[in-house]
Amino acid sequence: MPFKRSSDHWIKFLGTAGARFVMIRQLRSSGGLWVRCGATNVLIDPGPGSLARCAASRPRLDPTTLDAVILTHRHLDHANDANVMAEAMTEGGFKKRGAVFLPPDALGEDPVLWRHAQGFVERVETLGPQASYRVGEFAFETTPALRHPCQTYGLKFSLGSTTVGLIPDTEYFEGLEDLFRTQVLIINVVFYEPRPGVQHLSFQDARKIVERLKPRKAVLTHFGLTMLKAKPAILAKSLSWETGCDVVAATDGMTLDF
């Protein structure tokens, strides 16, 4: 019997690795997020191993069915497989289709999306602050630029009747949470404790964001080594108890249905 999902709107975590050492050692996978919105398939931040994670998924995810690839920023753990996924999306470049969305500095002198791969897709579109974009049934908005060593944008979109926010890599700053007032919030939490001067969120930052926003559901992901050692699942349960919100720690291969 063919596999059937209970919904046409879902997000699959192809990887939950954050920071270079977890990625390099593959203590967690680093494949990004596959988003299904009706008949439209979008891949966000395909880091190393994204293609392999698609093949290993059950049911298998077919990258030739992708309609778009979105990069929140150019770092390797978010963009390494952008070229191979663009080639897969276009069936080796023989079918010019699909879109790639990425910040302007990812197309600069040292482009993350190689020039020959840019020619494979139907359109390459640079992201700007507080702008709206669409591919097929999937529409999304960017936040103002976040605080990270390269150009980085948060994302907001709807799946069915549910609004979703994705806080990618950034340092915390006052007002950050106000940019992500959504029902479901996905937060990249690299550090267990704050590391001043390093522009990533800590668990303490995530606690502050959840306490202030009170989303219907918060999903912690993109864990660095200190977060893994602190056991994200236990931390998420504790945060749920503290805030009264449904907080979960993502695992590789986890799917959220909407």
Protein backbone atom coordinates (compact mmCIF):
# COMPACT_ATOMS: atom_id res chain seq x y z
CA MET A 1 0.00 0.00 0.00
CA PRO A 2 1.48 3.43 -0.89
CA PHE A 3 2.46 5.71 1.95
CA LYS A 4 -0.03 8.49 2.72
CA ARG A 5 0.52 11.44 5.00
CA SER A 6 -2.29 12.75 7.15
CA SER A 7 -1.64 16.24 5.78
CA ASP A 8 -0.43 18.01 2.64
CA HIS A 9 1.44 20.46 4.87
CA TRP A 10 4.48 19.27 6.81
CA ILE A 11 8.10 19.92 7.71
CA LYS A 12 10.72 17.19 7.88
CA PHE A 13 13.98 17.79 9.74
CA LEU A 14 16.67 16.27 7.53
CA GLY A 15 19.22 17.30 10.12
CA THR A 16 19.53 18.99 13.49
CA ALA A 17 23.30 19.65 13.59
CA GLY A 18 24.53 23.10 14.47
CA ALA A 19 28.05 24.52 14.61
CA ARG A 20 31.07 23.11 12.86
CA PHE A 21 32.09 20.27 15.20
CA VAL A 22 28.69 18.59 15.34
CA MET A 23 28.47 18.96 11.55
CA ILE A 24 32.01 17.71 10.86
CA ARG A 25 31.65 14.69 13.14
CA GLN A 26 28.05 14.16 11.99
CA LEU A 27 26.94 13.70 15.59
CA ARG A 28 23.66 14.95 14.14
CA SER A 29 22.81 15.15 10.45
CA SER A 30 22.96 18.49 8.65
CA GLY A 31 20.48 18.13 5.79
CA GLY A 32 18.21 21.12 6.43
CA LEU A 33 14.40 21.34 6.42
CA TRP A 34 12.11 19.90 3.74
CA VAL A 35 8.83 21.81 3.66
CA ARG A 36 5.73 20.52 1.91
CA CYS A 37 3.03 23.11 1.21
CA GLY A 38 0.19 21.56 -0.77
CA ALA A 39 1.79 20.43 -4.03
CA THR A 40 4.95 22.52 -3.54
CA ASN A 41 8.22 21.16 -2.13
CA VAL A 42 10.85 23.50 -0.68
CA LEU A 43 14.22 22.74 0.90
CA ILE A 44 15.62 25.21 3.43
CA ASP A 45 19.34 25.32 4.29
CA PRO A 46 20.66 22.10 2.69
CA GLY A 47 23.88 21.49 4.61
CA PRO A 48 26.31 18.59 4.08
CA GLY A 49 24.54 15.29 3.47
CA SER A 50 21.19 16.74 2.43
CA LEU A 51 20.99 14.60 -0.70
CA ALA A 52 21.93 11.46 1.25
CA ARG A 53 19.32 12.23 3.93
CA CYS A 54 16.64 12.53 1.24
CA ALA A 55 17.58 9.09 -0.06
CA ALA A 56 17.63 7.59 3.44
CA SER A 57 14.27 9.07 4.48
CA ARG A 58 11.31 6.75 4.90
CA PRO A 59 9.40 7.36 2.76
CA ARG A 60 12.18 8.45 0.43
CA LEU A 61 12.17 12.13 -0.53
CA ASP A 62 12.71 12.70 -4.25
CA PRO A 63 14.78 15.86 -4.87
CA THR A 64 13.63 15.97 -8.50
CA THR A 65 10.24 17.05 -7.10
CA LEU A 66 11.68 20.13 -5.40
CA ASP A 67 10.34 23.50 -6.50
CA ALA A 68 12.76 25.70 -4.59
CA VAL A 69 15.84 25.85 -2.39
CA ILE A 70 16.11 28.64 0.20
CA LEU A 71 19.32 29.62 1.99
CA THR A 72 19.01 31.76 5.12
CA HIS A 73 22.75 32.45 4.82
CA ARG A 74 25.91 31.22 3.10
CA HIS A 75 27.68 29.18 5.80
CA LEU A 76 28.56 25.58 4.92
CA ASP A 77 26.26 23.92 7.44
CA HIS A 78 23.36 25.69 5.70
CA ALA A 79 24.47 25.82 2.07
CA ASN A 80 26.96 23.06 1.27
CA ASP A 81 24.51 20.95 -0.77
CA ALA A 82 22.86 23.87 -2.57
CA ASN A 83 24.53 22.99 -5.87
CA VAL A 84 23.77 19.28 -5.84
CA MET A 85 20.16 19.94 -4.84
CA ALA A 86 19.80 22.52 -7.62
CA GLU A 87 21.14 19.94 -10.05
CA ALA A 88 18.80 17.29 -8.66
CA MET A 89 15.82 19.67 -8.82
CA THR A 90 16.52 20.20 -12.53
CA GLU A 91 17.31 16.53 -13.24
CA GLY A 92 20.95 17.17 -13.99
CA GLY A 93 20.27 20.54 -15.58
CA PHE A 94 18.23 19.02 -18.41
CA LYS A 95 14.91 20.45 -17.12
CA LYS A 96 15.18 24.17 -16.45
CA ARG A 97 12.83 24.63 -13.51
CA GLY A 98 12.63 25.66 -9.89
CA ALA A 99 14.03 28.59 -7.93
CA VAL A 100 16.89 29.30 -5.55
CA PHE A 101 16.50 32.09 -2.99
CA LEU A 102 19.59 33.33 -1.16
CA PRO A 103 21.13 36.47 0.35
CA PRO A 104 23.12 38.75 -1.97
CA ASP A 105 26.50 37.92 -0.42
CA ALA A 106 25.94 34.26 -1.34
CA LEU A 107 26.19 35.34 -4.98
CA GLY A 108 29.17 37.65 -4.62
CA GLU A 109 32.77 37.19 -5.72
CA ASP A 110 32.82 33.71 -4.16
CA PRO A 111 29.29 32.44 -4.96
CA VAL A 112 27.83 29.63 -2.89
CA LEU A 113 25.63 28.66 -5.84
CA TRP A 114 28.12 28.01 -8.62
CA ARG A 115 27.56 29.85 -11.88
CA HIS A 116 26.88 26.71 -13.89
CA ALA A 117 24.24 25.65 -11.34
CA GLN A 118 22.66 29.10 -11.53
CA GLY A 119 22.00 28.39 -15.21
CA PHE A 120 20.15 25.17 -14.41
CA VAL A 121 17.27 26.74 -12.49
CA GLU A 122 14.43 28.86 -13.80
CA ARG A 123 15.22 31.74 -11.47
CA VAL A 124 17.77 32.80 -8.89
CA GLU A 125 16.40 35.45 -6.56
CA THR A 126 18.28 37.39 -3.90
CA LEU A 127 16.63 37.92 -0.54
CA GLY A 128 16.14 41.32 0.98
CA PRO A 129 14.85 42.55 4.34
CA GLN A 130 11.12 42.42 5.06
CA ALA A 131 10.24 41.20 1.58
CA SER A 132 7.71 38.66 0.27
CA TYR A 133 8.36 35.79 -2.14
CA ARG A 134 6.38 32.95 -3.70
CA VAL A 135 7.00 29.70 -5.49
CA GLY A 136 3.98 27.57 -6.37
CA GLU A 137 1.71 27.33 -3.34
CA PHE A 138 4.47 28.36 -0.93
CA ALA A 139 4.72 32.02 0.08
CA PHE A 140 7.21 33.33 2.61
CA GLU A 141 8.47 36.57 4.11
CA THR A 142 11.89 37.61 5.35
CA THR A 143 12.62 39.48 8.55
CA PRO A 144 15.01 42.40 8.78
CA ALA A 145 18.64 41.30 8.61
CA LEU A 146 19.72 39.39 11.70
CA ARG A 147 23.06 39.58 13.52
CA HIS A 148 25.51 37.04 12.13
CA PRO A 149 28.91 37.31 10.40
CA CYS A 150 27.22 37.14 6.97
CA GLN A 151 23.91 38.34 5.54
CA THR A 152 21.21 36.32 7.31
CA TYR A 153 17.42 36.50 7.21
CA GLY A 154 14.74 34.85 9.30
CA LEU A 155 11.74 33.33 7.54
CA LYS A 156 7.99 33.38 8.15
CA PHE A 157 5.40 31.39 6.21
CA SER A 158 2.05 29.61 6.53
CA LEU A 159 1.29 25.91 6.22
CA GLY A 160 -2.45 25.46 5.99
CA SER A 161 -3.92 27.73 8.64
CA THR A 162 -0.76 27.72 10.79
CA THR A 163 1.90 30.44 10.76
CA VAL A 164 5.51 29.27 11.12
CA GLY A 165 8.66 31.20 11.98
CA LEU A 166 12.25 30.07 11.55
CA ILE A 167 14.94 31.83 13.60
CA PRO A 168 18.23 30.84 11.93
CA ASP A 169 21.71 31.61 13.21
CA THR A 170 21.89 34.99 14.94
CA GLU A 171 22.93 36.53 18.22
CA TYR A 172 20.15 37.62 20.54
CA PHE A 173 19.17 41.30 20.55
CA GLU A 174 16.25 43.11 22.14
CA GLY A 175 13.27 42.90 19.85
CA LEU A 176 14.37 39.72 18.07
CA GLU A 177 11.32 37.80 19.23
CA ASP A 178 8.97 40.54 17.96
CA LEU A 179 10.07 39.67 14.41
CA PHE A 180 8.73 36.12 14.80
CA ARG A 181 5.17 36.31 16.18
CA THR A 182 3.96 33.02 14.74
CA GLN A 183 2.02 30.04 16.04
CA VAL A 184 4.87 27.58 15.51
CA LEU A 185 8.44 28.74 16.09
CA ILE A 186 11.58 26.86 15.03
CA ILE A 187 14.69 28.13 16.84
CA ASN A 188 18.32 27.38 16.02
CA VAL A 189 19.92 26.88 19.44
CA VAL A 190 23.65 26.28 19.11
CA PHE A 191 24.92 26.89 22.65
CA TYR A 192 23.71 25.73 26.04
CA GLU A 193 25.21 28.78 27.77
CA PRO A 194 25.74 32.21 26.18
CA ARG A 195 29.09 32.87 24.54
CA PRO A 196 29.56 36.65 24.32
CA GLY A 197 30.98 37.75 21.02
CA VAL A 198 29.84 34.63 19.15
CA GLN A 199 26.71 35.36 17.14
CA HIS A 200 24.57 32.31 17.92
CA LEU A 201 21.62 31.76 20.23
CA SER A 202 21.93 29.93 23.53
CA PHE A 203 19.35 27.94 25.46
CA GLN A 204 18.98 30.94 27.77
CA ASP A 205 18.11 33.07 24.72
CA ALA A 206 15.61 30.46 23.56
CA ARG A 207 13.98 30.46 26.99
CA LYS A 208 13.58 34.24 26.84
CA ILE A 209 12.08 34.07 23.33
CA VAL A 210 9.56 31.36 24.27
CA GLU A 211 8.58 33.09 27.51
CA ARG A 212 7.89 36.35 25.70
CA LEU A 213 6.16 34.99 22.59
CA LYS A 214 4.23 32.05 24.04
CA PRO A 215 3.91 30.25 20.67
CA ARG A 216 1.53 27.35 20.30
CA LYS A 217 4.58 25.14 19.66
CA ALA A 218 8.32 25.80 19.81
CA VAL A 219 10.87 23.47 18.21
CA LEU A 220 14.52 23.65 19.25
CA THR A 221 17.06 22.52 16.65
CA HIS A 222 20.53 23.14 15.14
CA PHE A 223 22.39 21.97 18.23
CA GLY A 224 26.04 22.53 18.96
CA LEU A 225 28.16 20.27 21.14
CA THR A 226 27.27 21.92 24.46
CA MET A 227 23.54 21.57 23.70
CA LEU A 228 23.94 17.88 22.85
CA LYS A 229 25.83 17.27 26.09
CA ALA A 230 23.04 19.02 28.02
CA LYS A 231 20.45 16.68 26.39
CA PRO A 232 18.05 18.80 24.29
CA ALA A 233 15.01 16.58 24.89
CA ILE A 234 15.28 17.04 28.67
CA LEU A 235 15.84 20.78 28.29
CA ALA A 236 12.77 21.07 26.05
CA LYS A 237 10.58 19.25 28.59
CA SER A 238 11.84 21.53 31.33
CA LEU A 239 11.11 24.60 29.23
CA SER A 240 7.61 23.32 28.51
CA TRP A 241 6.96 23.01 32.23
CA GLU A 242 8.42 26.47 32.95
CA THR A 243 6.55 28.34 30.23
CA GLY A 244 3.35 26.34 29.74
CA CYS A 245 4.16 26.12 26.02
CA ASP A 246 4.59 22.96 23.97
CA VAL A 247 8.38 22.85 23.47
CA VAL A 248 10.12 19.95 21.74
CA ALA A 249 13.68 19.21 20.69
CA ALA A 250 13.90 18.18 17.06
CA THR A 251 15.53 14.90 16.10
CA ASP A 252 16.95 13.84 12.75
CA GLY A 253 14.08 12.67 10.55
CA MET A 254 11.31 14.16 12.74
CA THR A 255 8.23 15.36 10.87
CA LEU A 256 5.75 18.03 11.92
CA ASP A 257 2.32 17.72 10.30
CA PHE A 258 0.08 20.76 9.96
